[in-house]
């Protein structure tokens, strides 16, 4: 997949920003919801940076082609991923119910896992993400699913009070 003069990381970053911008424009969250969105977005972004960095140091993956890597080397998690995760956390907070519900959490987490795994597949194909030492798309799917179910729980428990 070739994006003329734009890295896939930047394309994904712009998409994430556009999605959260449209959601905010359509749903018009109040100040309390906006504060909750900000907290959940930062929580997910920081968690993801730690997870991405751990995966790098454990030898499961590395990223390439970032305009702004968040670390001293080129393989560190991209700033683009930090912003994408921030937008995902804010969207999760805005869209997911206030009360945790397994009947919602499991299929919603699966949708996020499918989307995340598809995006990672595009990144792998484009050469912007390299899986190593047995890490596969199946592992990515399971990780996304577990993480987003847990983040929905954390959001309902700590951020939407």
N, C-alpha and C. Protein backbone atom coordinates (compact mmCIF):
# COMPACT_ATOMS: atom_id res chain seq x y z
N UNK A 1 0.85 -1.16 0.00
CA UNK A 1 0.00 0.00 0.00
C UNK A 1 0.90 1.23 0.00
N UNK A 2 0.75 2.06 -0.96
CA UNK A 2 1.57 3.25 -1.05
C UNK A 2 0.71 4.49 -0.87
N UNK A 3 1.06 5.26 0.11
CA UNK A 3 0.42 6.56 0.29
C UNK A 3 1.42 7.58 -0.24
N UNK A 4 1.03 8.30 -1.26
CA UNK A 4 1.95 9.22 -1.91
C UNK A 4 2.33 10.33 -0.93
N UNK A 5 3.61 10.40 -0.61
CA UNK A 5 4.18 11.45 0.23
C UNK A 5 3.61 11.51 1.65
N UNK A 6 3.03 10.45 2.15
CA UNK A 6 2.53 10.44 3.52
C UNK A 6 2.77 9.06 4.11
N UNK A 7 3.41 9.02 5.27
CA UNK A 7 3.64 7.72 5.90
C UNK A 7 2.30 7.18 6.42
N UNK A 8 2.24 5.88 6.56
CA UNK A 8 1.03 5.25 7.09
C UNK A 8 0.78 5.73 8.52
N UNK A 9 1.84 5.98 9.27
CA UNK A 9 1.68 6.49 10.64
C UNK A 9 0.92 7.82 10.65
N UNK A 10 1.29 8.72 9.75
CA UNK A 10 0.63 10.02 9.68
C UNK A 10 -0.82 9.87 9.21
N UNK A 11 -1.05 9.00 8.25
CA UNK A 11 -2.41 8.73 7.78
C UNK A 11 -3.29 8.24 8.94
N UNK A 12 -2.77 7.31 9.74
CA UNK A 12 -3.53 6.79 10.87
C UNK A 12 -3.74 7.85 11.94
N UNK A 13 -2.74 8.67 12.18
CA UNK A 13 -2.86 9.76 13.14
C UNK A 13 -3.95 10.74 12.72
N UNK A 14 -3.94 11.14 11.46
CA UNK A 14 -4.96 12.07 10.96
C UNK A 14 -6.35 11.45 11.03
N UNK A 15 -6.44 10.16 10.76
CA UNK A 15 -7.73 9.46 10.85
C UNK A 15 -8.25 9.47 12.29
N UNK A 16 -7.37 9.17 13.25
CA UNK A 16 -7.78 9.15 14.66
C UNK A 16 -8.24 10.53 15.12
N UNK A 17 -7.50 11.56 14.74
CA UNK A 17 -7.88 12.92 15.12
C UNK A 17 -9.23 13.28 14.49
N UNK A 18 -9.42 12.93 13.23
CA UNK A 18 -10.68 13.23 12.54
C UNK A 18 -11.85 12.51 13.20
N UNK A 19 -11.67 11.26 13.57
CA UNK A 19 -12.76 10.49 14.19
C UNK A 19 -13.17 11.12 15.51
N UNK A 20 -12.21 11.44 16.38
CA UNK A 20 -12.58 12.01 17.69
C UNK A 20 -13.17 13.41 17.50
N UNK A 21 -12.69 14.14 16.54
CA UNK A 21 -13.22 15.48 16.26
C UNK A 21 -14.69 15.40 15.82
N UNK A 22 -14.99 14.46 14.92
CA UNK A 22 -16.37 14.27 14.45
C UNK A 22 -17.26 13.80 15.61
N UNK A 23 -16.77 12.87 16.42
CA UNK A 23 -17.56 12.40 17.55
C UNK A 23 -17.89 13.54 18.51
N UNK A 24 -16.89 14.39 18.79
CA UNK A 24 -17.13 15.53 19.68
C UNK A 24 -18.14 16.49 19.06
N UNK A 25 -18.02 16.73 17.76
CA UNK A 25 -18.95 17.65 17.09
C UNK A 25 -20.36 17.10 17.08
N UNK A 26 -20.52 15.81 16.88
CA UNK A 26 -21.85 15.20 16.83
C UNK A 26 -22.49 15.05 18.20
N UNK A 27 -21.70 14.60 19.17
CA UNK A 27 -22.25 14.26 20.48
C UNK A 27 -22.18 15.40 21.49
N UNK A 28 -21.39 16.42 21.20
CA UNK A 28 -21.28 17.63 22.02
C UNK A 28 -21.17 17.31 23.52
N UNK A 29 -20.08 16.69 23.91
CA UNK A 29 -19.94 16.34 25.33
C UNK A 29 -19.84 17.60 26.20
N UNK A 30 -20.41 17.50 27.41
CA UNK A 30 -20.32 18.61 28.36
C UNK A 30 -18.92 18.65 28.98
N UNK A 31 -18.67 19.62 29.83
CA UNK A 31 -17.33 19.80 30.41
C UNK A 31 -16.91 18.59 31.25
N UNK A 32 -17.86 18.01 32.00
CA UNK A 32 -17.54 16.84 32.84
C UNK A 32 -17.13 15.65 31.96
N UNK A 33 -17.89 15.43 30.88
CA UNK A 33 -17.56 14.34 29.96
C UNK A 33 -16.23 14.63 29.26
N UNK A 34 -16.00 15.88 28.88
CA UNK A 34 -14.73 16.26 28.24
C UNK A 34 -13.55 15.99 29.16
N UNK A 35 -13.71 16.29 30.44
CA UNK A 35 -12.65 16.02 31.41
C UNK A 35 -12.39 14.52 31.53
N UNK A 36 -13.47 13.74 31.56
CA UNK A 36 -13.35 12.28 31.63
C UNK A 36 -12.67 11.73 30.37
N UNK A 37 -13.04 12.29 29.21
CA UNK A 37 -12.42 11.87 27.95
C UNK A 37 -10.92 12.14 27.97
N UNK A 38 -10.54 13.31 28.45
CA UNK A 38 -9.13 13.69 28.53
C UNK A 38 -8.36 12.73 29.43
N UNK A 39 -8.92 12.44 30.61
CA UNK A 39 -8.25 11.53 31.56
C UNK A 39 -8.10 10.13 30.97
N UNK A 40 -9.18 9.61 30.37
CA UNK A 40 -9.12 8.26 29.80
C UNK A 40 -8.18 8.23 28.61
N UNK A 41 -8.18 9.27 27.80
CA UNK A 41 -7.27 9.34 26.66
C UNK A 41 -5.82 9.31 27.12
N UNK A 42 -5.49 10.11 28.12
CA UNK A 42 -4.12 10.11 28.64
C UNK A 42 -3.76 8.78 29.29
N UNK A 43 -4.70 8.20 30.00
CA UNK A 43 -4.47 6.91 30.65
C UNK A 43 -4.13 5.84 29.60
N UNK A 44 -4.92 5.77 28.54
CA UNK A 44 -4.66 4.77 27.50
C UNK A 44 -3.37 5.08 26.76
N UNK A 45 -3.11 6.35 26.47
CA UNK A 45 -1.89 6.71 25.74
C UNK A 45 -0.63 6.35 26.53
N UNK A 46 -0.63 6.64 27.81
CA UNK A 46 0.53 6.31 28.65
C UNK A 46 0.67 4.80 28.79
N UNK A 47 -0.45 4.11 29.05
CA UNK A 47 -0.41 2.64 29.12
C UNK A 47 0.16 2.06 27.83
N UNK A 48 -0.33 2.55 26.68
CA UNK A 48 0.11 2.02 25.39
C UNK A 48 1.59 2.28 25.17
N UNK A 49 2.08 3.46 25.55
CA UNK A 49 3.50 3.75 25.38
C UNK A 49 4.33 2.76 26.21
N UNK A 50 3.90 2.49 27.43
CA UNK A 50 4.61 1.52 28.28
C UNK A 50 4.55 0.13 27.65
N UNK A 51 3.38 -0.28 27.18
CA UNK A 51 3.20 -1.59 26.54
C UNK A 51 4.06 -1.70 25.29
N UNK A 52 4.03 -0.68 24.45
CA UNK A 52 4.83 -0.68 23.21
C UNK A 52 6.33 -0.74 23.51
N UNK A 53 6.75 0.02 24.50
CA UNK A 53 8.17 0.03 24.87
C UNK A 53 8.58 -1.32 25.45
N UNK A 54 7.72 -1.91 26.28
CA UNK A 54 8.02 -3.24 26.83
C UNK A 54 8.14 -4.27 25.72
N UNK A 55 7.22 -4.24 24.75
CA UNK A 55 7.29 -5.16 23.62
C UNK A 55 8.57 -5.00 22.82
N UNK A 56 9.02 -3.75 22.68
CA UNK A 56 10.29 -3.49 21.99
C UNK A 56 11.46 -4.11 22.76
N UNK A 57 11.54 -3.83 24.05
CA UNK A 57 12.66 -4.34 24.85
C UNK A 57 12.61 -5.85 25.04
N UNK A 58 11.41 -6.43 25.02
CA UNK A 58 11.29 -7.89 25.12
C UNK A 58 11.51 -8.59 23.78
N UNK A 59 11.64 -7.80 22.72
CA UNK A 59 11.95 -8.35 21.41
C UNK A 59 10.76 -8.89 20.63
N UNK A 60 9.54 -8.40 20.91
CA UNK A 60 8.36 -8.90 20.21
C UNK A 60 8.00 -8.09 18.97
N UNK A 61 8.40 -6.84 18.92
CA UNK A 61 8.12 -5.99 17.76
C UNK A 61 8.97 -4.75 17.81
N UNK A 62 9.03 -4.07 16.70
CA UNK A 62 9.55 -2.71 16.67
C UNK A 62 8.88 -1.95 15.53
N UNK A 63 8.89 -0.65 15.67
CA UNK A 63 8.25 0.22 14.70
C UNK A 63 9.29 0.95 13.87
N UNK A 64 8.94 1.25 12.63
CA UNK A 64 9.82 2.03 11.77
C UNK A 64 8.98 3.06 11.02
N UNK A 65 9.65 4.04 10.46
CA UNK A 65 8.98 5.00 9.59
C UNK A 65 8.24 6.10 10.31
N UNK A 66 8.41 6.20 11.63
CA UNK A 66 7.74 7.26 12.37
C UNK A 66 8.44 8.59 12.10
N UNK A 67 7.65 9.63 12.05
CA UNK A 67 8.22 10.97 11.94
C UNK A 67 8.76 11.41 13.29
N UNK A 68 8.12 10.95 14.38
CA UNK A 68 8.50 11.36 15.73
C UNK A 68 8.54 10.17 16.69
N UNK A 69 9.64 9.38 16.71
CA UNK A 69 9.70 8.28 17.68
C UNK A 69 9.81 8.83 19.11
N UNK A 70 9.11 8.20 20.05
CA UNK A 70 9.12 8.63 21.45
C UNK A 70 10.18 7.88 22.24
N UNK A 71 11.42 8.12 21.93
CA UNK A 71 12.53 7.49 22.61
C UNK A 71 13.82 7.88 21.92
N UNK A 72 14.93 7.41 22.45
CA UNK A 72 16.23 7.82 21.89
C UNK A 72 16.60 7.13 20.57
N UNK A 73 15.90 6.07 20.21
CA UNK A 73 16.25 5.34 18.99
C UNK A 73 15.11 5.36 17.99
N UNK A 74 15.39 4.90 16.78
CA UNK A 74 14.38 4.94 15.71
C UNK A 74 13.28 3.90 15.90
N UNK A 75 13.52 2.86 16.69
CA UNK A 75 12.54 1.80 16.82
C UNK A 75 11.55 2.02 17.97
N UNK A 76 11.70 3.11 18.70
CA UNK A 76 10.80 3.37 19.81
C UNK A 76 9.39 3.64 19.32
N UNK A 77 8.39 3.48 20.23
CA UNK A 77 7.01 3.73 19.81
C UNK A 77 6.87 5.14 19.24
N UNK A 78 6.16 5.27 18.15
CA UNK A 78 5.99 6.57 17.53
C UNK A 78 5.07 7.50 18.32
N UNK A 79 5.34 8.78 18.26
CA UNK A 79 4.44 9.78 18.81
C UNK A 79 3.06 9.62 18.19
N UNK A 80 3.03 9.23 16.92
CA UNK A 80 1.76 9.02 16.24
C UNK A 80 0.90 8.00 16.98
N UNK A 81 1.52 6.94 17.51
CA UNK A 81 0.78 5.91 18.24
C UNK A 81 0.25 6.48 19.56
N UNK A 82 1.04 7.32 20.20
CA UNK A 82 0.62 7.95 21.44
C UNK A 82 -0.65 8.78 21.21
N UNK A 83 -0.67 9.57 20.15
CA UNK A 83 -1.84 10.40 19.83
C UNK A 83 -3.03 9.53 19.42
N UNK A 84 -2.77 8.49 18.63
CA UNK A 84 -3.84 7.57 18.23
C UNK A 84 -4.46 6.91 19.47
N UNK A 85 -3.61 6.47 20.40
CA UNK A 85 -4.10 5.84 21.63
C UNK A 85 -4.89 6.86 22.47
N UNK A 86 -4.41 8.09 22.52
CA UNK A 86 -5.13 9.13 23.23
C UNK A 86 -6.54 9.30 22.65
N UNK A 87 -6.63 9.38 21.34
CA UNK A 87 -7.93 9.53 20.67
C UNK A 87 -8.82 8.31 20.93
N UNK A 88 -8.22 7.12 20.91
CA UNK A 88 -8.99 5.90 21.17
C UNK A 88 -9.55 5.90 22.59
N UNK A 89 -8.72 6.31 23.56
CA UNK A 89 -9.19 6.37 24.94
C UNK A 89 -10.31 7.39 25.13
N UNK A 90 -10.16 8.54 24.48
CA UNK A 90 -11.20 9.57 24.57
C UNK A 90 -12.49 9.07 23.93
N UNK A 91 -12.38 8.40 22.79
CA UNK A 91 -13.57 7.85 22.12
C UNK A 91 -14.22 6.77 22.97
N UNK A 92 -13.41 5.90 23.56
CA UNK A 92 -13.94 4.85 24.44
C UNK A 92 -14.75 5.49 25.56
N UNK A 93 -14.18 6.52 26.18
CA UNK A 93 -14.87 7.18 27.28
C UNK A 93 -16.18 7.82 26.81
N UNK A 94 -16.17 8.41 25.64
CA UNK A 94 -17.35 9.09 25.11
C UNK A 94 -18.46 8.11 24.71
N UNK A 95 -18.07 6.99 24.11
CA UNK A 95 -19.06 6.09 23.50
C UNK A 95 -19.51 4.93 24.39
N UNK A 96 -18.65 4.45 25.26
CA UNK A 96 -18.99 3.28 26.05
C UNK A 96 -19.89 3.68 27.23
N UNK A 97 -20.80 2.77 27.63
CA UNK A 97 -21.72 3.07 28.73
C UNK A 97 -20.98 3.38 30.04
N UNK A 98 -21.65 4.12 30.90
CA UNK A 98 -21.05 4.51 32.18
C UNK A 98 -20.89 3.32 33.12
N UNK A 99 -21.81 2.38 33.04
CA UNK A 99 -21.76 1.21 33.91
C UNK A 99 -21.17 0.04 33.13
N UNK A 100 -20.20 -0.65 33.73
CA UNK A 100 -19.57 -1.79 33.07
C UNK A 100 -20.59 -2.91 32.88
N UNK A 101 -20.59 -3.49 31.69
CA UNK A 101 -21.53 -4.56 31.35
C UNK A 101 -20.79 -5.57 30.47
N UNK A 102 -20.65 -6.80 30.97
CA UNK A 102 -19.96 -7.84 30.20
C UNK A 102 -20.61 -8.08 28.84
N UNK A 103 -21.92 -7.98 28.77
CA UNK A 103 -22.62 -8.21 27.50
C UNK A 103 -22.28 -7.15 26.45
N UNK A 104 -21.83 -6.00 26.89
CA UNK A 104 -21.33 -4.97 25.98
C UNK A 104 -19.82 -5.08 25.82
N UNK A 105 -19.13 -5.31 26.93
CA UNK A 105 -17.66 -5.29 26.95
C UNK A 105 -17.04 -6.31 26.00
N UNK A 106 -17.53 -7.53 26.03
CA UNK A 106 -16.90 -8.58 25.22
C UNK A 106 -17.04 -8.34 23.72
N UNK A 107 -18.24 -8.04 23.19
CA UNK A 107 -18.31 -7.78 21.75
C UNK A 107 -17.67 -6.44 21.35
N UNK A 108 -17.79 -5.42 22.21
CA UNK A 108 -17.17 -4.13 21.89
C UNK A 108 -15.64 -4.28 21.86
N UNK A 109 -15.12 -5.02 22.83
CA UNK A 109 -13.67 -5.29 22.85
C UNK A 109 -13.23 -6.06 21.61
N UNK A 110 -14.09 -6.96 21.15
CA UNK A 110 -13.77 -7.73 19.95
C UNK A 110 -13.72 -6.83 18.71
N UNK A 111 -14.65 -5.88 18.62
CA UNK A 111 -14.63 -4.94 17.49
C UNK A 111 -13.33 -4.14 17.49
N UNK A 112 -12.95 -3.65 18.65
CA UNK A 112 -11.70 -2.90 18.76
C UNK A 112 -10.51 -3.79 18.39
N UNK A 113 -10.54 -5.04 18.86
CA UNK A 113 -9.44 -5.98 18.57
C UNK A 113 -9.33 -6.27 17.08
N UNK A 114 -10.45 -6.44 16.41
CA UNK A 114 -10.43 -6.68 14.97
C UNK A 114 -9.86 -5.46 14.24
N UNK A 115 -10.36 -4.28 14.62
CA UNK A 115 -9.87 -3.06 13.96
C UNK A 115 -8.38 -2.86 14.22
N UNK A 116 -7.95 -3.01 15.46
CA UNK A 116 -6.53 -2.84 15.79
C UNK A 116 -5.64 -3.84 15.07
N UNK A 117 -6.09 -5.08 15.00
CA UNK A 117 -5.31 -6.12 14.32
C UNK A 117 -5.24 -5.84 12.82
N UNK A 118 -6.33 -5.37 12.23
CA UNK A 118 -6.31 -5.02 10.80
C UNK A 118 -5.34 -3.86 10.54
N UNK A 119 -5.37 -2.87 11.41
CA UNK A 119 -4.45 -1.74 11.26
C UNK A 119 -3.01 -2.22 11.40
N UNK A 120 -2.74 -3.07 12.37
CA UNK A 120 -1.38 -3.60 12.52
C UNK A 120 -0.98 -4.41 11.29
N UNK A 121 -1.91 -5.14 10.71
CA UNK A 121 -1.61 -5.89 9.49
C UNK A 121 -1.18 -4.95 8.37
N UNK A 122 -1.88 -3.82 8.25
CA UNK A 122 -1.49 -2.82 7.24
C UNK A 122 -0.10 -2.28 7.54
N UNK A 123 0.19 -2.03 8.82
CA UNK A 123 1.51 -1.52 9.21
C UNK A 123 2.61 -2.53 8.93
N UNK A 124 2.34 -3.80 9.21
CA UNK A 124 3.32 -4.86 8.92
C UNK A 124 3.56 -4.95 7.41
N UNK A 125 2.49 -4.93 6.65
CA UNK A 125 2.60 -5.01 5.19
C UNK A 125 3.39 -3.83 4.63
N UNK A 126 3.17 -2.65 5.20
CA UNK A 126 3.86 -1.45 4.74
C UNK A 126 5.30 -1.37 5.25
N UNK A 127 5.68 -2.27 6.16
CA UNK A 127 7.03 -2.25 6.71
C UNK A 127 7.21 -1.28 7.87
N UNK A 128 6.11 -0.75 8.42
CA UNK A 128 6.20 0.18 9.54
C UNK A 128 6.12 -0.50 10.90
N UNK A 129 5.81 -1.77 10.89
CA UNK A 129 5.77 -2.56 12.12
C UNK A 129 6.34 -3.92 11.80
N UNK A 130 7.23 -4.38 12.65
CA UNK A 130 7.88 -5.67 12.45
C UNK A 130 7.60 -6.54 13.67
N UNK A 131 6.95 -7.68 13.44
CA UNK A 131 6.73 -8.67 14.50
C UNK A 131 7.97 -9.56 14.59
N UNK A 132 8.36 -9.90 15.82
CA UNK A 132 9.55 -10.71 16.05
C UNK A 132 9.28 -11.80 17.09
N UNK A 133 10.14 -12.79 17.11
CA UNK A 133 10.17 -13.82 18.16
C UNK A 133 8.83 -14.47 18.46
N UNK A 134 8.08 -14.76 17.41
CA UNK A 134 6.84 -15.50 17.57
C UNK A 134 5.60 -14.66 17.78
N UNK A 135 5.73 -13.34 17.91
CA UNK A 135 4.54 -12.50 18.05
C UNK A 135 3.78 -12.53 16.73
N UNK A 136 2.47 -12.72 16.80
CA UNK A 136 1.65 -12.83 15.59
C UNK A 136 0.42 -11.93 15.69
N UNK A 137 -0.34 -11.88 14.62
CA UNK A 137 -1.59 -11.14 14.63
C UNK A 137 -2.56 -11.71 15.65
N UNK A 138 -2.52 -13.02 15.87
CA UNK A 138 -3.39 -13.61 16.88
C UNK A 138 -3.07 -13.04 18.26
N UNK A 139 -1.78 -12.92 18.58
CA UNK A 139 -1.39 -12.34 19.87
C UNK A 139 -1.87 -10.89 19.97
N UNK A 140 -1.73 -10.15 18.87
CA UNK A 140 -2.18 -8.75 18.86
C UNK A 140 -3.69 -8.69 19.11
N UNK A 141 -4.45 -9.56 18.44
CA UNK A 141 -5.90 -9.58 18.61
C UNK A 141 -6.28 -9.82 20.07
N UNK A 142 -5.69 -10.84 20.67
CA UNK A 142 -5.99 -11.18 22.06
C UNK A 142 -5.60 -10.02 22.99
N UNK A 143 -4.44 -9.44 22.75
CA UNK A 143 -3.99 -8.32 23.59
C UNK A 143 -4.95 -7.13 23.48
N UNK A 144 -5.34 -6.77 22.26
CA UNK A 144 -6.30 -5.67 22.09
C UNK A 144 -7.61 -5.98 22.82
N UNK A 145 -8.10 -7.20 22.65
CA UNK A 145 -9.38 -7.56 23.25
C UNK A 145 -9.32 -7.45 24.77
N UNK A 146 -8.32 -8.05 25.37
CA UNK A 146 -8.17 -8.01 26.82
C UNK A 146 -8.00 -6.57 27.30
N UNK A 147 -7.12 -5.83 26.65
CA UNK A 147 -6.83 -4.46 27.08
C UNK A 147 -8.08 -3.58 27.00
N UNK A 148 -8.83 -3.69 25.91
CA UNK A 148 -9.99 -2.80 25.80
C UNK A 148 -11.13 -3.20 26.71
N UNK A 149 -11.28 -4.47 27.03
CA UNK A 149 -12.27 -4.86 28.04
C UNK A 149 -11.84 -4.30 29.40
N UNK A 150 -10.56 -4.43 29.73
CA UNK A 150 -10.06 -3.89 31.00
C UNK A 150 -10.14 -2.37 31.04
N UNK A 151 -9.88 -1.72 29.93
CA UNK A 151 -9.96 -0.27 29.91
C UNK A 151 -11.40 0.21 30.01
N UNK A 152 -12.33 -0.50 29.45
CA UNK A 152 -13.74 -0.16 29.63
C UNK A 152 -14.10 -0.28 31.11
N UNK A 153 -13.65 -1.36 31.76
CA UNK A 153 -13.90 -1.54 33.18
C UNK A 153 -13.30 -0.38 33.97
N UNK A 154 -12.03 -0.05 33.68
CA UNK A 154 -11.35 1.04 34.39
C UNK A 154 -12.06 2.37 34.15
N UNK A 155 -12.50 2.59 32.93
CA UNK A 155 -13.20 3.83 32.60
C UNK A 155 -14.49 3.94 33.41
N UNK A 156 -15.26 2.85 33.45
CA UNK A 156 -16.53 2.86 34.20
C UNK A 156 -16.29 3.01 35.69
N UNK A 157 -15.22 2.41 36.19
CA UNK A 157 -14.95 2.41 37.62
C UNK A 157 -14.32 3.71 38.12
N UNK A 158 -13.39 4.29 37.34
CA UNK A 158 -12.59 5.40 37.85
C UNK A 158 -12.84 6.75 37.17
N UNK A 159 -13.21 6.75 35.90
CA UNK A 159 -13.26 8.02 35.17
C UNK A 159 -14.67 8.57 34.97
N UNK A 160 -15.68 7.74 35.01
CA UNK A 160 -17.05 8.19 34.73
C UNK A 160 -17.87 8.33 36.00
N UNK A 161 -17.29 8.81 37.03
CA UNK A 161 -18.02 8.98 38.30
C UNK A 161 -18.72 10.30 38.32
